[in-house]
């Protein structure tokens, strides 16, 4: 039987500080002889993180009304998968650190678990989040969403089927010596205008949304934390 240890970091945590804490827990998990998972729950100070797939074009705003330059918010490199995203207040970030071998998971199952935890969490609030084939994260249908379509070719089948979907939760992970780190970022009630200054996840400026936007009310992050933890317990234990 595995063990899930939940570590809540209060306040707003700078990205570098959270990364160093992840690395400390990563070392601790490597030394374990049992199947132990460490779950770090936090909100970051505003930061743009650039994953391994980030390209210069992903750091260019598509919204001409953006009044703040990208440089007004910290921009850091990250060794997770994926491209650029934003972290900050109102967004619940969950870093899940576990040894894939001890849990008998492959990386694909680990990513699926993170997505499924987000989907089960948002379902409690009556929001029907889902996966999109070929893309990571959790997505939700939105009447305000409209995917920009490539001008040089016909829309793909994915674009046709999901042109009204907006990203609610981003997922990006790293793995060293079979031990995972990084995780998911669920938009609970953030200032979504921060995403206008980048191409989120390098997906061609696909829209981003939040849980509060889809429930029509302010959702406390503390309640979302509790539900997310229980969702992960159900998937892991």
Protein backbone atom coordinates (compact mmCIF):
# COMPACT_ATOMS: atom_id res chain seq x y z
CA UNK A 1 0.00 0.00 0.00
CA UNK A 2 1.35 3.41 -0.96
CA UNK A 3 1.41 6.59 1.08
CA UNK A 4 0.48 10.13 -0.01
CA UNK A 5 2.07 12.93 2.01
CA UNK A 6 0.45 16.34 1.50
CA UNK A 7 2.60 19.43 2.00
CA UNK A 8 0.79 22.76 1.88
CA UNK A 9 3.00 25.82 1.40
CA UNK A 10 1.17 28.94 2.66
CA UNK A 11 1.29 32.37 1.05
CA UNK A 12 2.69 33.10 -2.38
CA UNK A 13 5.80 31.09 -3.18
CA UNK A 14 8.52 32.25 -5.61
CA UNK A 15 9.17 29.71 -8.34
CA UNK A 16 12.82 29.12 -7.41
CA UNK A 17 11.89 28.46 -3.77
CA UNK A 18 9.25 25.91 -4.79
CA UNK A 19 11.67 24.26 -7.19
CA UNK A 20 14.30 23.83 -4.49
CA UNK A 21 11.67 22.32 -2.20
CA UNK A 22 10.73 19.89 -4.98
CA UNK A 23 14.36 18.86 -5.37
CA UNK A 24 14.67 18.24 -1.62
CA UNK A 25 11.55 16.04 -1.67
CA UNK A 26 12.83 14.35 -4.83
CA UNK A 27 15.95 13.25 -2.96
CA UNK A 28 13.83 12.07 -0.02
CA UNK A 29 11.59 9.98 -2.28
CA UNK A 30 14.62 8.37 -3.93
CA UNK A 31 15.80 7.23 -0.49
CA UNK A 32 12.44 5.66 0.40
CA UNK A 33 12.00 1.89 0.38
CA UNK A 34 8.21 2.24 0.22
CA UNK A 35 5.85 3.68 -2.40
CA UNK A 36 5.67 7.25 -1.06
CA UNK A 37 4.23 10.22 -2.97
CA UNK A 38 4.88 13.82 -1.92
CA UNK A 39 2.25 16.35 -2.99
CA UNK A 40 3.20 20.03 -2.75
CA UNK A 41 0.22 22.42 -2.90
CA UNK A 42 0.84 26.14 -3.39
CA UNK A 43 0.24 29.38 -5.23
CA UNK A 44 3.16 31.09 -6.92
CA UNK A 45 4.14 34.71 -7.06
CA UNK A 46 3.46 35.83 -10.67
CA UNK A 47 5.89 34.09 -13.03
CA UNK A 48 6.13 32.83 -16.58
CA UNK A 49 7.86 29.45 -16.78
CA UNK A 50 9.35 28.19 -20.03
CA UNK A 51 9.38 24.41 -20.44
CA UNK A 52 11.70 22.41 -22.65
CA UNK A 53 9.56 22.95 -25.78
CA UNK A 54 9.37 26.75 -25.52
CA UNK A 55 10.14 28.66 -28.72
CA UNK A 56 10.70 32.44 -29.06
CA UNK A 57 7.34 32.84 -30.80
CA UNK A 58 5.56 31.47 -27.71
CA UNK A 59 6.69 34.53 -25.72
CA UNK A 60 4.99 37.03 -28.01
CA UNK A 61 1.61 38.45 -26.99
CA UNK A 62 -1.24 37.96 -29.44
CA UNK A 63 -3.48 40.55 -27.81
CA UNK A 64 -2.67 44.06 -29.03
CA UNK A 65 -4.45 45.56 -26.01
CA UNK A 66 -1.85 44.13 -23.60
CA UNK A 67 -0.54 47.10 -21.64
CA UNK A 68 2.28 45.39 -19.74
CA UNK A 69 5.43 44.01 -21.36
CA UNK A 70 6.36 40.41 -20.64
CA UNK A 71 9.46 41.61 -18.80
CA UNK A 72 7.31 43.18 -16.06
CA UNK A 73 6.77 39.65 -14.70
CA UNK A 74 9.56 37.20 -13.84
CA UNK A 75 10.39 34.79 -16.68
CA UNK A 76 12.27 31.60 -15.78
CA UNK A 77 13.39 28.44 -17.52
CA UNK A 78 11.92 25.15 -16.34
CA UNK A 79 12.99 21.55 -16.91
CA UNK A 80 9.41 20.27 -17.21
CA UNK A 81 7.84 19.21 -20.47
CA UNK A 82 5.78 21.58 -22.59
CA UNK A 83 6.16 25.24 -23.43
CA UNK A 84 5.48 28.52 -21.65
CA UNK A 85 2.74 29.06 -19.09
CA UNK A 86 1.88 31.48 -16.29
CA UNK A 87 1.65 30.79 -12.56
CA UNK A 88 0.33 33.16 -9.94
CA UNK A 89 -2.34 34.03 -7.37
CA UNK A 90 -5.67 32.31 -7.88
CA UNK A 91 -4.08 29.30 -9.55
CA UNK A 92 -3.63 26.07 -7.58
CA UNK A 93 -0.30 24.45 -8.41
CA UNK A 94 0.23 20.84 -7.36
CA UNK A 95 3.65 19.21 -7.65
CA UNK A 96 3.50 15.41 -7.36
CA UNK A 97 6.78 13.65 -6.56
CA UNK A 98 6.84 9.85 -6.68
CA UNK A 99 8.97 6.93 -7.81
CA UNK A 100 7.33 5.47 -10.91
CA UNK A 101 8.89 2.06 -10.38
CA UNK A 102 7.71 1.73 -6.79
CA UNK A 103 4.19 2.77 -7.82
CA UNK A 104 4.31 0.47 -10.90
CA UNK A 105 3.40 3.41 -13.18
CA UNK A 106 4.81 4.51 -16.48
CA UNK A 107 5.04 8.21 -17.30
CA UNK A 108 1.92 8.05 -19.45
CA UNK A 109 -0.12 6.74 -16.50
CA UNK A 110 1.34 9.44 -14.26
CA UNK A 111 0.23 12.16 -16.68
CA UNK A 112 -3.19 10.50 -16.97
CA UNK A 113 -3.54 10.53 -13.17
CA UNK A 114 -2.81 14.25 -13.00
CA UNK A 115 -5.34 15.01 -15.72
CA UNK A 116 -7.91 12.73 -14.12
CA UNK A 117 -7.45 14.38 -10.72
CA UNK A 118 -8.21 17.76 -12.30
CA UNK A 119 -11.22 16.35 -14.15
CA UNK A 120 -12.65 14.75 -10.99
CA UNK A 121 -12.02 17.90 -8.96
CA UNK A 122 -13.80 20.23 -11.36
CA UNK A 123 -16.69 17.77 -11.70
CA UNK A 124 -17.51 18.38 -8.02
CA UNK A 125 -18.28 21.98 -9.03
CA UNK A 126 -20.46 20.88 -11.92
CA UNK A 127 -17.81 21.63 -14.55
CA UNK A 128 -17.38 18.96 -17.22
CA UNK A 129 -13.65 19.03 -17.95
CA UNK A 130 -12.20 16.52 -20.38
CA UNK A 131 -9.11 15.48 -22.30
CA UNK A 132 -8.33 16.37 -25.89
CA UNK A 133 -6.54 13.76 -27.97
CA UNK A 134 -2.98 14.79 -28.70
CA UNK A 135 -2.92 17.55 -26.09
CA UNK A 136 -2.18 17.54 -22.36
CA UNK A 137 -4.24 19.00 -19.54
CA UNK A 138 -7.94 19.35 -18.82
CA UNK A 139 -10.22 21.30 -21.13
CA UNK A 140 -13.77 22.62 -20.88
CA UNK A 141 -16.30 23.78 -23.42
CA UNK A 142 -16.68 27.55 -23.42
CA UNK A 143 -19.03 29.75 -25.41
CA UNK A 144 -16.34 32.46 -25.40
CA UNK A 145 -13.63 30.18 -26.78
CA UNK A 146 -12.62 30.07 -30.41
CA UNK A 147 -9.41 28.41 -31.47
CA UNK A 148 -7.40 30.44 -33.98
CA UNK A 149 -7.09 28.32 -37.12
CA UNK A 150 -3.99 28.04 -39.27
CA UNK A 151 -4.27 30.21 -42.38
CA UNK A 152 -1.97 28.03 -44.49
CA UNK A 153 -4.03 24.84 -44.35
CA UNK A 154 -7.42 23.40 -43.60
CA UNK A 155 -8.35 23.01 -39.89
CA UNK A 156 -7.29 19.68 -38.42
CA UNK A 157 -9.82 17.17 -37.13
CA UNK A 158 -8.84 18.12 -33.57
CA UNK A 159 -9.52 21.79 -34.34
CA UNK A 160 -12.89 21.01 -35.87
CA UNK A 161 -14.02 18.81 -32.96
CA UNK A 162 -12.74 21.05 -30.19
CA UNK A 163 -12.92 24.60 -31.54
CA UNK A 164 -14.98 25.71 -28.53
CA UNK A 165 -12.71 24.23 -25.85
CA UNK A 166 -10.64 26.28 -23.41
CA UNK A 167 -7.81 25.05 -21.19
CA UNK A 168 -8.70 24.85 -17.51
CA UNK A 169 -5.71 22.92 -16.18
CA UNK A 170 -2.15 22.66 -17.51
CA UNK A 171 -0.03 19.56 -16.92
CA UNK A 172 3.74 19.38 -17.31
CA UNK A 173 6.18 17.04 -15.58
CA UNK A 174 9.84 16.20 -15.22
CA UNK A 175 11.40 12.86 -14.29
CA UNK A 176 14.87 11.96 -13.00
CA UNK A 177 15.95 8.47 -11.98
CA UNK A 178 12.32 7.39 -12.36
CA UNK A 179 11.18 9.96 -9.78
CA UNK A 180 8.70 12.57 -11.03
CA UNK A 181 8.44 16.25 -10.19
CA UNK A 182 6.42 19.28 -11.40
CA UNK A 183 2.74 18.49 -11.98
CA UNK A 184 -0.43 20.46 -12.67
CA UNK A 185 -1.74 24.02 -12.48
CA UNK A 186 -5.49 24.42 -12.10
CA UNK A 187 -6.94 27.87 -12.82
CA UNK A 188 -9.33 28.46 -9.93
CA UNK A 189 -9.78 32.24 -9.87
CA UNK A 190 -6.69 33.91 -11.40
CA UNK A 191 -6.37 37.06 -13.50
CA UNK A 192 -6.58 35.37 -16.89
CA UNK A 193 -5.26 38.45 -18.69
CA UNK A 194 -1.76 37.23 -17.75
CA UNK A 195 -2.13 34.56 -20.44
CA UNK A 196 -2.76 37.19 -23.13
CA UNK A 197 0.92 38.10 -23.08
CA UNK A 198 2.11 34.64 -24.22
CA UNK A 199 1.08 31.70 -26.39
CA UNK A 200 0.06 29.41 -23.48
CA UNK A 201 1.71 25.99 -23.81
CA UNK A 202 2.74 26.88 -27.38
CA UNK A 203 -0.61 25.72 -28.79
CA UNK A 204 -1.29 28.60 -31.17
CA UNK A 205 -2.99 30.90 -28.66
CA UNK A 206 -5.69 28.45 -27.63
CA UNK A 207 -7.98 30.06 -25.01
CA UNK A 208 -7.53 29.66 -21.25
CA UNK A 209 -10.34 29.69 -18.67
CA UNK A 210 -10.92 29.25 -14.92
CA UNK A 211 -13.14 27.34 -12.53
CA UNK A 212 -14.69 30.54 -11.19
CA UNK A 213 -15.57 31.65 -14.71
CA UNK A 214 -17.48 28.43 -15.32
CA UNK A 215 -19.26 28.30 -11.98
CA UNK A 216 -20.18 31.98 -12.05
CA UNK A 217 -18.85 32.52 -8.54
CA UNK A 218 -15.59 32.91 -6.67
CA UNK A 219 -14.28 29.47 -5.73
CA UNK A 220 -11.97 29.32 -2.67
CA UNK A 221 -8.67 27.65 -3.43
CA UNK A 222 -8.71 25.99 0.01
CA UNK A 223 -11.81 23.99 -0.92
CA UNK A 224 -10.34 23.02 -4.29
CA UNK A 225 -7.17 21.82 -2.54
CA UNK A 226 -9.18 19.46 -0.34
CA UNK A 227 -11.07 18.00 -3.28
CA UNK A 228 -7.92 17.62 -5.39
CA UNK A 229 -6.16 15.76 -2.59
CA UNK A 230 -9.06 13.33 -2.27
CA UNK A 231 -9.11 12.83 -6.05
CA UNK A 232 -5.43 11.94 -6.03
CA UNK A 233 -5.87 9.63 -3.05
CA UNK A 234 -8.55 7.79 -4.97
CA UNK A 235 -6.24 7.38 -7.95
CA UNK A 236 -3.11 6.40 -6.05
CA UNK A 237 -4.24 4.46 -2.99
